[in-house]
Amino acid sequence: GVLIPVQCEYFALEGLSSLLDTVKAVRHRLNPTLEIEGLL
């Protein structure tokens, strides 16, 4: 699982979008069991 710390500010959401995109790619190609542990 991947635990994602998120600072509660606007620009933190931009970093989140890129990471979620990467998690999707990793699930499809490298690690199909990877899940979102949670947003902190």
PDB file of all heavy atoms in Angstrom:
ATOM      1  N   GLY A   1       0.832  -1.194   0.000  1.00  0.00           N
ATOM      2  CA  GLY A   1       0.000   0.000   0.000  1.00  0.00           C
ATOM      3  C   GLY A   1       0.866   1.242   0.000  1.00  0.00           C
ATOM      4  O   GLY A   1       2.043   1.197   0.362  1.00  0.00           O
ATOM      5  N   VAL A   2       0.281   2.361  -0.408  1.00  0.00           N
ATOM      6  CA  VAL A   2       1.000   3.631  -0.402  1.00  0.00           C
ATOM      7  C   VAL A   2       0.252   4.613   0.480  1.00  0.00           C
ATOM      8  O   VAL A   2      -0.948   4.826   0.324  1.00  0.00           O
ATOM      9  CB  VAL A   2       1.203   4.185  -1.834  1.00  0.00           C
ATOM     10  CG1 VAL A   2      -0.110   4.282  -2.588  1.00  0.00           C
ATOM     11  CG2 VAL A   2       1.895   5.543  -1.800  1.00  0.00           C
ATOM     12  N   LEU A   3       0.967   5.151   1.465  1.00  0.00           N
ATOM     13  CA  LEU A   3       0.426   6.148   2.374  1.00  0.00           C
ATOM     14  C   LEU A   3       0.839   7.521   1.847  1.00  0.00           C
ATOM     15  O   LEU A   3       2.036   7.779   1.649  1.00  0.00           O
ATOM     16  CB  LEU A   3       0.969   5.926   3.785  1.00  0.00           C
ATOM     17  CG  LEU A   3       0.595   6.949   4.857  1.00  0.00           C
ATOM     18  CD1 LEU A   3      -0.914   6.973   5.071  1.00  0.00           C
ATOM     19  CD2 LEU A   3       1.323   6.635   6.167  1.00  0.00           C
ATOM     20  N   ILE A   4      -0.141   8.404   1.619  1.00  0.00           N
ATOM     21  CA  ILE A   4       0.122   9.680   0.967  1.00  0.00           C
ATOM     22  C   ILE A   4      -0.129  10.824   1.944  1.00  0.00           C
ATOM     23  O   ILE A   4      -1.281  11.152   2.234  1.00  0.00           O
ATOM     24  CB  ILE A   4      -0.770   9.856  -0.273  1.00  0.00           C
ATOM     25  CG1 ILE A   4      -0.647   8.651  -1.210  1.00  0.00           C
ATOM     26  CG2 ILE A   4      -0.404  11.146  -1.015  1.00  0.00           C
ATOM     27  CD1 ILE A   4      -1.615   8.685  -2.387  1.00  0.00           C
ATOM     28  N   PRO A   5       0.935  11.428   2.463  1.00  0.00           N
ATOM     29  CA  PRO A   5       0.745  12.640   3.281  1.00  0.00           C
ATOM     30  C   PRO A   5       0.326  13.806   2.381  1.00  0.00           C
ATOM     31  O   PRO A   5       0.932  14.035   1.324  1.00  0.00           O
ATOM     32  CB  PRO A   5       2.129  12.891   3.889  1.00  0.00           C
ATOM     33  CG  PRO A   5       2.904  11.634   3.661  1.00  0.00           C
ATOM     34  CD  PRO A   5       2.355  11.040   2.419  1.00  0.00           C
ATOM     35  N   VAL A   6      -0.705  14.526   2.787  1.00  0.00           N
ATOM     36  CA  VAL A   6      -1.214  15.637   1.990  1.00  0.00           C
ATOM     37  C   VAL A   6      -1.345  16.860   2.888  1.00  0.00           C
ATOM     38  O   VAL A   6      -2.108  16.846   3.848  1.00  0.00           O
ATOM     39  CB  VAL A   6      -2.589  15.311   1.367  1.00  0.00           C
ATOM     40  CG1 VAL A   6      -3.081  16.480   0.515  1.00  0.00           C
ATOM     41  CG2 VAL A   6      -2.522  14.044   0.532  1.00  0.00           C
ATOM     42  N   GLN A   7      -0.586  17.897   2.571  1.00  0.00           N
ATOM     43  CA  GLN A   7      -0.737  19.156   3.288  1.00  0.00           C
ATOM     44  C   GLN A   7      -2.010  19.831   2.800  1.00  0.00           C
ATOM     45  O   GLN A   7      -2.292  19.854   1.604  1.00  0.00           O
ATOM     46  CB  GLN A   7       0.468  20.059   3.030  1.00  0.00           C
ATOM     47  CG  GLN A   7       0.491  21.314   3.880  1.00  0.00           C
ATOM     48  CD  GLN A   7       1.740  22.145   3.614  1.00  0.00           C
ATOM     49  OE1 GLN A   7       2.575  21.793   2.791  1.00  0.00           O
ATOM     50  NE2 GLN A   7       1.853  23.255   4.330  1.00  0.00           N
ATOM     51  N   CYS A   8      -2.798  20.356   3.728  1.00  0.00           N
ATOM     52  CA  CYS A   8      -4.105  20.911   3.360  1.00  0.00           C
ATOM     53  C   CYS A   8      -3.961  22.312   2.777  1.00  0.00           C
ATOM     54  O   CYS A   8      -4.401  23.313   3.355  1.00  0.00           O
ATOM     55  CB  CYS A   8      -5.046  20.907   4.566  1.00  0.00           C
ATOM     56  SG  CYS A   8      -5.562  19.249   5.036  1.00  0.00           S
ATOM     57  N   GLU A   9      -3.316  22.381   1.634  1.00  0.00           N
ATOM     58  CA  GLU A   9      -3.175  23.614   0.877  1.00  0.00           C
ATOM     59  C   GLU A   9      -3.384  23.303  -0.597  1.00  0.00           C
ATOM     60  O   GLU A   9      -3.216  22.162  -1.032  1.00  0.00           O
ATOM     61  CB  GLU A   9      -1.789  24.242   1.094  1.00  0.00           C
ATOM     62  CG  GLU A   9      -1.570  24.723   2.525  1.00  0.00           C
ATOM     63  CD  GLU A   9      -0.218  25.403   2.693  1.00  0.00           C
ATOM     64  OE1 GLU A   9       0.536  25.466   1.700  1.00  0.00           O
ATOM     65  OE2 GLU A   9       0.070  25.850   3.812  1.00  0.00           O
ATOM     66  N   TYR A  10      -3.700  24.337  -1.376  1.00  0.00           N
ATOM     67  CA  TYR A  10      -4.084  24.132  -2.767  1.00  0.00           C
ATOM     68  C   TYR A  10      -3.023  23.407  -3.581  1.00  0.00           C
ATOM     69  O   TYR A  10      -3.301  22.442  -4.277  1.00  0.00           O
ATOM     70  CB  TYR A  10      -4.421  25.473  -3.425  1.00  0.00           C
ATOM     71  CG  TYR A  10      -4.517  25.385  -4.928  1.00  0.00           C
ATOM     72  CD1 TYR A  10      -5.550  24.676  -5.533  1.00  0.00           C
ATOM     73  CD2 TYR A  10      -3.569  25.981  -5.744  1.00  0.00           C
ATOM     74  CE1 TYR A  10      -5.643  24.577  -6.899  1.00  0.00           C
ATOM     75  CE2 TYR A  10      -3.651  25.890  -7.111  1.00  0.00           C
ATOM     76  CZ  TYR A  10      -4.693  25.192  -7.699  1.00  0.00           C
ATOM     77  OH  TYR A  10      -4.766  25.092  -9.051  1.00  0.00           O
ATOM     78  N   PHE A  11      -1.758  23.854  -3.513  1.00  0.00           N
ATOM     79  CA  PHE A  11      -0.735  23.285  -4.372  1.00  0.00           C
ATOM     80  C   PHE A  11      -0.398  21.842  -4.006  1.00  0.00           C
ATOM     81  O   PHE A  11       0.174  21.123  -4.817  1.00  0.00           O
ATOM     82  CB  PHE A  11       0.523  24.155  -4.347  1.00  0.00           C
ATOM     83  CG  PHE A  11       0.372  25.438  -5.122  1.00  0.00           C
ATOM     84  CD1 PHE A  11       0.353  26.650  -4.470  1.00  0.00           C
ATOM     85  CD2 PHE A  11       0.217  25.422  -6.493  1.00  0.00           C
ATOM     86  CE1 PHE A  11       0.199  27.828  -5.179  1.00  0.00           C
ATOM     87  CE2 PHE A  11       0.065  26.585  -7.215  1.00  0.00           C
ATOM     88  CZ  PHE A  11       0.052  27.802  -6.555  1.00  0.00           C
ATOM     89  N   ALA A  12      -0.730  21.414  -2.801  1.00  0.00           N
ATOM     90  CA  ALA A  12      -0.515  20.016  -2.436  1.00  0.00           C
ATOM     91  C   ALA A  12      -1.347  19.093  -3.313  1.00  0.00           C
ATOM     92  O   ALA A  12      -0.972  17.949  -3.565  1.00  0.00           O
ATOM     93  CB  ALA A  12      -0.856  19.800  -0.965  1.00  0.00           C
ATOM     94  N   LEU A  13      -2.474  19.568  -3.804  1.00  0.00           N
ATOM     95  CA  LEU A  13      -3.329  18.743  -4.650  1.00  0.00           C
ATOM     96  C   LEU A  13      -2.674  18.440  -5.994  1.00  0.00           C
ATOM     97  O   LEU A  13      -2.935  17.400  -6.602  1.00  0.00           O
ATOM     98  CB  LEU A  13      -4.670  19.450  -4.876  1.00  0.00           C
ATOM     99  CG  LEU A  13      -5.499  19.719  -3.614  1.00  0.00           C
ATOM    100  CD1 LEU A  13      -6.773  20.466  -3.980  1.00  0.00           C
ATOM    101  CD2 LEU A  13      -5.810  18.431  -2.879  1.00  0.00           C
ATOM    102  N   GLU A  14      -1.815  19.359  -6.471  1.00  0.00           N
ATOM    103  CA  GLU A  14      -1.149  19.109  -7.731  1.00  0.00           C
ATOM    104  C   GLU A  14      -0.171  17.944  -7.622  1.00  0.00           C
ATOM    105  O   GLU A  14      -0.082  17.096  -8.498  1.00  0.00           O
ATOM    106  CB  GLU A  14      -0.433  20.372  -8.203  1.00  0.00           C
ATOM    107  CG  GLU A  14      -1.387  21.493  -8.609  1.00  0.00           C
ATOM    108  CD  GLU A  14      -0.659  22.657  -9.251  1.00  0.00           C
ATOM    109  OE1 GLU A  14       0.573  22.755  -9.079  1.00  0.00           O
ATOM    110  OE2 GLU A  14      -1.330  23.456  -9.916  1.00  0.00           O
ATOM    111  N   GLY A  15       0.598  17.887  -6.532  1.00  0.00           N
ATOM    112  CA  GLY A  15       1.482  16.759  -6.328  1.00  0.00           C
ATOM    113  C   GLY A  15       0.712  15.465  -6.189  1.00  0.00           C
ATOM    114  O   GLY A  15       1.143  14.410  -6.653  1.00  0.00           O
ATOM    115  N   LEU A  16      -0.446  15.533  -5.573  1.00  0.00           N
ATOM    116  CA  LEU A  16      -1.287  14.354  -5.401  1.00  0.00           C
ATOM    117  C   LEU A  16      -1.730  13.799  -6.741  1.00  0.00           C
ATOM    118  O   LEU A  16      -1.748  12.588  -6.962  1.00  0.00           O
ATOM    119  CB  LEU A  16      -2.503  14.716  -4.539  1.00  0.00           C
ATOM    120  CG  LEU A  16      -3.563  13.639  -4.334  1.00  0.00           C
ATOM    121  CD1 LEU A  16      -2.958  12.422  -3.646  1.00  0.00           C
ATOM    122  CD2 LEU A  16      -4.717  14.200  -3.515  1.00  0.00           C
ATOM    123  N   SER A  17      -2.075  14.673  -7.668  1.00  0.00           N
ATOM    124  CA  SER A  17      -2.552  14.215  -8.968  1.00  0.00           C
ATOM    125  C   SER A  17      -1.479  13.436  -9.718  1.00  0.00           C
ATOM    126  O   SER A  17      -1.760  12.401 -10.324  1.00  0.00           O
ATOM    127  CB  SER A  17      -3.034  15.411  -9.810  1.00  0.00           C
ATOM    128  OG  SER A  17      -1.951  16.253 -10.156  1.00  0.00           O
ATOM    129  N   SER A  18      -0.233  13.897  -9.663  1.00  0.00           N
ATOM    130  CA  SER A  18       0.851  13.197 -10.332  1.00  0.00           C
ATOM    131  C   SER A  18       1.111  11.839  -9.696  1.00  0.00           C
ATOM    132  O   SER A  18       1.353  10.847 -10.392  1.00  0.00           O
ATOM    133  CB  SER A  18       2.125  14.040 -10.287  1.00  0.00           C
ATOM    134  OG  SER A  18       1.974  15.224 -11.030  1.00  0.00           O
ATOM    135  N   LEU A  19       1.068  11.777  -8.376  1.00  0.00           N
ATOM    136  CA  LEU A  19       1.315  10.522  -7.687  1.00  0.00           C
ATOM    137  C   LEU A  19       0.235   9.495  -7.998  1.00  0.00           C
ATOM    138  O   LEU A  19       0.518   8.324  -8.248  1.00  0.00           O
ATOM    139  CB  LEU A  19       1.406  10.754  -6.175  1.00  0.00           C
ATOM    140  CG  LEU A  19       1.641   9.501  -5.334  1.00  0.00           C
ATOM    141  CD1 LEU A  19       2.914   8.788  -5.747  1.00  0.00           C
ATOM    142  CD2 LEU A  19       1.690   9.862  -3.862  1.00  0.00           C
ATOM    143  N   LEU A  20      -1.035   9.925  -8.000  1.00  0.00           N
ATOM    144  CA  LEU A  20      -2.118   8.997  -8.320  1.00  0.00           C
ATOM    145  C   LEU A  20      -1.977   8.454  -9.731  1.00  0.00           C
ATOM    146  O   LEU A  20      -2.273   7.287 -10.001  1.00  0.00           O
ATOM    147  CB  LEU A  20      -3.469   9.692  -8.147  1.00  0.00           C
ATOM    148  CG  LEU A  20      -3.855  10.049  -6.704  1.00  0.00           C
ATOM    149  CD1 LEU A  20      -5.163  10.812  -6.685  1.00  0.00           C
ATOM    150  CD2 LEU A  20      -3.954   8.805  -5.839  1.00  0.00           C
ATOM    151  N   ASP A  21      -1.509   9.287 -10.642  1.00  0.00           N
ATOM    152  CA  ASP A  21      -1.282   8.852 -12.007  1.00  0.00           C
ATOM    153  C   ASP A  21      -0.199   7.775 -12.051  1.00  0.00           C
ATOM    154  O   ASP A  21      -0.310   6.776 -12.767  1.00  0.00           O
ATOM    155  CB  ASP A  21      -0.877  10.051 -12.865  1.00  0.00           C
ATOM    156  CG  ASP A  21      -1.084   9.805 -14.352  1.00  0.00           C
ATOM    157  OD1 ASP A  21      -2.166   9.319 -14.720  1.00  0.00           O
ATOM    158  OD2 ASP A  21      -0.161  10.105 -15.121  1.00  0.00           O
ATOM    159  N   THR A  22       0.851   7.959 -11.243  1.00  0.00           N
ATOM    160  CA  THR A  22       1.923   6.976 -11.176  1.00  0.00           C
ATOM    161  C   THR A  22       1.450   5.674 -10.549  1.00  0.00           C
ATOM    162  O   THR A  22       1.809   4.580 -11.004  1.00  0.00           O
ATOM    163  CB  THR A  22       3.113   7.544 -10.370  1.00  0.00           C
ATOM    164  OG1 THR A  22       3.578   8.729 -11.006  1.00  0.00           O
ATOM    165  CG2 THR A  22       4.244   6.540 -10.296  1.00  0.00           C
ATOM    166  N   VAL A  23       0.638   5.762  -9.495  1.00  0.00           N
ATOM    167  CA  VAL A  23       0.115   4.562  -8.852  1.00  0.00           C
ATOM    168  C   VAL A  23      -0.705   3.736  -9.839  1.00  0.00           C
ATOM    169  O   VAL A  23      -0.614   2.505  -9.885  1.00  0.00           O
ATOM    170  CB  VAL A  23      -0.732   4.938  -7.617  1.00  0.00           C
ATOM    171  CG1 VAL A  23      -1.467   3.718  -7.078  1.00  0.00           C
ATOM    172  CG2 VAL A  23       0.159   5.522  -6.525  1.00  0.00           C
ATOM    173  N   LYS A  24      -1.501   4.408 -10.672  1.00  0.00           N
ATOM    174  CA  LYS A  24      -2.270   3.699 -11.697  1.00  0.00           C
ATOM    175  C   LYS A  24      -1.348   2.931 -12.637  1.00  0.00           C
ATOM    176  O   LYS A  24      -1.580   1.761 -12.953  1.00  0.00           O
ATOM    177  CB  LYS A  24      -3.106   4.690 -12.494  1.00  0.00           C
ATOM    178  CG  LYS A  24      -4.215   5.385 -11.730  1.00  0.00           C
ATOM    179  CD  LYS A  24      -4.904   6.398 -12.631  1.00  0.00           C
ATOM    180  CE  LYS A  24      -5.903   7.252 -11.861  1.00  0.00           C
ATOM    181  NZ  LYS A  24      -6.538   8.266 -12.715  1.00  0.00           N
ATOM    182  N   ALA A  25      -0.286   3.598 -13.093  1.00  0.00           N
ATOM    183  CA  ALA A  25       0.643   2.971 -14.029  1.00  0.00           C
ATOM    184  C   ALA A  25       1.344   1.778 -13.382  1.00  0.00           C
ATOM    185  O   ALA A  25       1.513   0.722 -14.018  1.00  0.00           O
ATOM    186  CB  ALA A  25       1.669   3.999 -14.511  1.00  0.00           C
ATOM    187  N   VAL A  26       1.746   1.907 -12.120  1.00  0.00           N
ATOM    188  CA  VAL A  26       2.414   0.815 -11.418  1.00  0.00           C
ATOM    189  C   VAL A  26       1.467  -0.369 -11.249  1.00  0.00           C
ATOM    190  O   VAL A  26       1.864  -1.523 -11.417  1.00  0.00           O
ATOM    191  CB  VAL A  26       2.943   1.300 -10.052  1.00  0.00           C
ATOM    192  CG1 VAL A  26       3.426   0.119  -9.202  1.00  0.00           C
ATOM    193  CG2 VAL A  26       4.072   2.298 -10.246  1.00  0.00           C
ATOM    194  N   ARG A  27       0.215  -0.103 -10.944  1.00  0.00           N
ATOM    195  CA  ARG A  27      -0.758  -1.194 -10.802  1.00  0.00           C
ATOM    196  C   ARG A  27      -0.925  -1.961 -12.098  1.00  0.00           C
ATOM    197  O   ARG A  27      -1.024  -3.185 -12.111  1.00  0.00           O
ATOM    198  CB  ARG A  27      -2.118  -0.648 -10.367  1.00  0.00           C
ATOM    199  CG  ARG A  27      -2.209  -0.331  -8.885  1.00  0.00           C
ATOM    200  CD  ARG A  27      -3.660  -0.212  -8.451  1.00  0.00           C
ATOM    201  NE  ARG A  27      -4.350  -1.480  -8.508  1.00  0.00           N
ATOM    202  CZ  ARG A  27      -5.638  -1.653  -8.202  1.00  0.00           C
ATOM    203  NH1 ARG A  27      -6.352  -0.622  -7.830  1.00  0.00           N
ATOM    204  NH2 ARG A  27      -6.192  -2.829  -8.257  1.00  0.00           N
ATOM    205  N   HIS A  28      -0.959  -1.269 -13.198  1.00  0.00           N
ATOM    206  CA  HIS A  28      -1.192  -1.921 -14.490  1.00  0.00           C
ATOM    207  C   HIS A  28       0.023  -2.690 -14.975  1.00  0.00           C
ATOM    208  O   HIS A  28      -0.114  -3.715 -15.649  1.00  0.00           O
ATOM    209  CB  HIS A  28      -1.588  -0.877 -15.533  1.00  0.00           C
ATOM    210  CG  HIS A  28      -2.987  -0.362 -15.360  1.00  0.00           C
ATOM    211  ND1 HIS A  28      -4.090  -1.181 -15.304  1.00  0.00           N
ATOM    212  CD2 HIS A  28      -3.465   0.905 -15.236  1.00  0.00           C
ATOM    213  CE1 HIS A  28      -5.187  -0.456 -15.151  1.00  0.00           C
ATOM    214  NE2 HIS A  28      -4.833   0.818 -15.098  1.00  0.00           N
ATOM    215  N   ARG A  29       1.227  -2.221 -14.627  1.00  0.00           N
ATOM    216  CA  ARG A  29       2.426  -2.773 -15.253  1.00  0.00           C
ATOM    217  C   ARG A  29       3.336  -3.558 -14.318  1.00  0.00           C
ATOM    218  O   ARG A  29       4.028  -4.481 -14.763  1.00  0.00           O
ATOM    219  CB  ARG A  29       3.244  -1.632 -15.884  1.00  0.00           C
ATOM    220  CG  ARG A  29       2.473  -0.870 -16.948  1.00  0.00           C
ATOM    221  CD  ARG A  29       3.308   0.292 -17.475  1.00  0.00           C
ATOM    222  NE  ARG A  29       2.539   1.118 -18.410  1.00  0.00           N
ATOM    223  CZ  ARG A  29       2.996   2.226 -18.987  1.00  0.00           C
ATOM    224  NH1 ARG A  29       4.214   2.636 -18.719  1.00  0.00           N
ATOM    225  NH2 ARG A  29       2.234   2.912 -19.817  1.00  0.00           N
ATOM    226  N   LEU A  30       3.360  -3.195 -13.037  1.00  0.00           N
ATOM    227  CA  LEU A  30       4.376  -3.755 -12.151  1.00  0.00           C
ATOM    228  C   LEU A  30       3.831  -4.431 -10.903  1.00  0.00           C
ATOM    229  O   LEU A  30       4.393  -5.415 -10.445  1.00  0.00           O
ATOM    230  CB  LEU A  30       5.355  -2.646 -11.721  1.00  0.00           C
ATOM    231  CG  LEU A  30       6.149  -1.962 -12.832  1.00  0.00           C
ATOM    232  CD1 LEU A  30       6.864  -0.725 -12.286  1.00  0.00           C
ATOM    233  CD2 LEU A  30       7.152  -2.926 -13.448  1.00  0.00           C
ATOM    234  N   ASN A  31       2.761  -3.887 -10.331  1.00  0.00           N
ATOM    235  CA  ASN A  31       2.295  -4.367  -9.029  1.00  0.00           C
ATOM    236  C   ASN A  31       0.771  -4.286  -8.960  1.00  0.00           C
ATOM    237  O   ASN A  31       0.219  -3.323  -8.422  1.00  0.00           O
ATOM    238  CB  ASN A  31       2.936  -3.536  -7.909  1.00  0.00           C
ATOM    239  CG  ASN A  31       2.568  -4.031  -6.523  1.00  0.00           C
ATOM    240  OD1 ASN A  31       1.897  -5.037  -6.359  1.00  0.00           O
ATOM    241  ND2 ASN A  31       3.022  -3.300  -5.505  1.00  0.00           N
ATOM    242  N   PRO A  32       0.083  -5.286  -9.494  1.00  0.00           N
ATOM    243  CA  PRO A  32      -1.385  -5.219  -9.564  1.00  0.00           C
ATOM    244  C   PRO A  32      -2.080  -5.206  -8.217  1.00  0.00           C
ATOM    245  O   PRO A  32      -3.254  -4.854  -8.134  1.00  0.00           O
ATOM    246  CB  PRO A  32      -1.761  -6.476 -10.370  1.00  0.00           C
ATOM    247  CG  PRO A  32      -0.560  -7.326 -10.384  1.00  0.00           C
ATOM    248  CD  PRO A  32       0.629  -6.482 -10.139  1.00  0.00           C
ATOM    249  N   THR A  33      -1.391  -5.571  -7.136  1.00  0.00           N
ATOM    250  CA  THR A  33      -2.023  -5.589  -5.808  1.00  0.00           C
ATOM    251  C   THR A  33      -1.813  -4.297  -5.035  1.00  0.00           C
ATOM    252  O   THR A  33      -2.291  -4.171  -3.915  1.00  0.00           O
ATOM    253  CB  THR A  33      -1.479  -6.765  -4.980  1.00  0.00           C
ATOM    254  OG1 THR A  33      -0.075  -6.600  -4.769  1.00  0.00           O
ATOM    255  CG2 THR A  33      -1.729  -8.098  -5.687  1.00  0.00           C
ATOM    256  N   LEU A  34      -1.104  -3.335  -5.607  1.00  0.00           N
ATOM    257  CA  LEU A  34      -0.857  -2.076  -4.915  1.00  0.00           C
ATOM    258  C   LEU A  34      -2.162  -1.332  -4.672  1.00  0.00           C
ATOM    259  O   LEU A  34      -3.000  -1.216  -5.566  1.00  0.00           O
ATOM    260  CB  LEU A  34       0.087  -1.192  -5.750  1.00  0.00           C
ATOM    261  CG  LEU A  34       0.441   0.179  -5.155  1.00  0.00           C
ATOM    262  CD1 LEU A  34       1.254   0.009  -3.877  1.00  0.00           C
ATOM    263  CD2 LEU A  34       1.214   1.015  -6.175  1.00  0.00           C
ATOM    264  N   GLU A  35      -2.327  -0.839  -3.457  1.00  0.00           N
ATOM    265  CA  GLU A  35      -3.534  -0.091  -3.122  1.00  0.00           C
ATOM    266  C   GLU A  35      -3.185   1.181  -2.368  1.00  0.00           C
ATOM    267  O   GLU A  35      -2.060   1.334  -1.874  1.00  0.00           O
ATOM    268  CB  GLU A  35      -4.489  -0.942  -2.286  1.00  0.00           C
ATOM    269  CG  GLU A  35      -3.906  -1.420  -0.978  1.00  0.00           C
ATOM    270  CD  GLU A  35      -4.855  -2.333  -0.214  1.00  0.00           C
ATOM    271  OE1 GLU A  35      -5.595  -3.096  -0.866  1.00  0.00           O
ATOM    272  OE2 GLU A  35      -4.849  -2.272   1.022  1.00  0.00           O
ATOM    273  N   ILE A  36      -4.125   2.089  -2.320  1.00  0.00           N
ATOM    274  CA  ILE A  36      -3.939   3.305  -1.545  1.00  0.00           C
ATOM    275  C   ILE A  36      -4.190   2.984  -0.078  1.00  0.00           C
ATOM    276  O   ILE A  36      -5.306   2.637   0.311  1.00  0.00           O
ATOM    277  CB  ILE A  36      -4.904   4.417  -2.011  1.00  0.00           C
ATOM    278  CG1 ILE A  36      -4.683   4.735  -3.494  1.00  0.00           C
ATOM    279  CG2 ILE A  36      -4.704   5.673  -1.156  1.00  0.00           C
ATOM    280  CD1 ILE A  36      -3.347   5.336  -3.812  1.00  0.00           C
ATOM    281  N   GLU A  37      -3.141   3.071   0.730  1.00  0.00           N
ATOM    282  CA  GLU A  37      -3.285   2.817   2.160  1.00  0.00           C
ATOM    283  C   GLU A  37      -4.129   3.902   2.815  1.00  0.00           C
ATOM    284  O   GLU A  37      -4.916   3.631   3.730  1.00  0.00           O
ATOM    285  CB  GLU A  37      -1.898   2.773   2.815  1.00  0.00           C
ATOM    286  CG  GLU A  37      -1.901   2.307   4.251  1.00  0.00           C
ATOM    287  CD  GLU A  37      -2.091   0.806   4.371  1.00  0.00           C
ATOM    288  OE1 GLU A  37      -1.952   0.095   3.356  1.00  0.00           O
ATOM    289  OE2 GLU A  37      -2.393   0.351   5.491  1.00  0.00           O
ATOM    290  N   GLY A  38      -3.959   5.120   2.335  1.00  0.00           N
ATOM    291  CA  GLY A  38      -4.757   6.216   2.861  1.00  0.00           C
ATOM    292  C   GLY A  38      -4.110   7.552   2.563  1.00  0.00           C
ATOM    293  O   GLY A  38      -2.926   7.643   2.263  1.00  0.00           O
ATOM    294  N   LEU A  39      -4.925   8.590   2.621  1.00  0.00           N
ATOM    295  CA  LEU A  39      -4.443   9.967   2.509  1.00  0.00           C
ATOM    296  C   LEU A  39      -4.392  10.550   3.912  1.00  0.00           C
ATOM    297  O   LEU A  39      -5.396  10.545   4.628  1.00  0.00           O
ATOM    298  CB  LEU A  39      -5.366  10.797   1.623  1.00  0.00           C
ATOM    299  CG  LEU A  39      -5.161  10.707   0.103  1.00  0.00           C
ATOM    300  CD1 LEU A  39      -5.528   9.320  -0.417  1.00  0.00           C
ATOM    301  CD2 LEU A  39      -5.988  11.751  -0.623  1.00  0.00           C
ATOM    302  N   LEU A  40      -3.225  11.021   4.299  1.00  0.00           N
ATOM    303  CA  LEU A  40      -3.010  11.541   5.651  1.00  0.00           C
ATOM    304  C   LEU A  40      -2.884  13.052   5.596  1.00  0.00           C
ATOM    305  O   LEU A  40      -1.979  13.586   4.959  1.00  0.00           O
ATOM    306  CB  LEU A  40      -1.747  10.931   6.256  1.00  0.00           C
ATOM    307  CG  LEU A  40      -1.341  11.461   7.630  1.00  0.00           C
ATOM    308  CD1 LEU A  40      -2.365  11.064   8.686  1.00  0.00           C
ATOM    309  CD2 LEU A  40       0.062  10.970   7.993  1.00  0.00           C
TER     310      LEU A  40
END
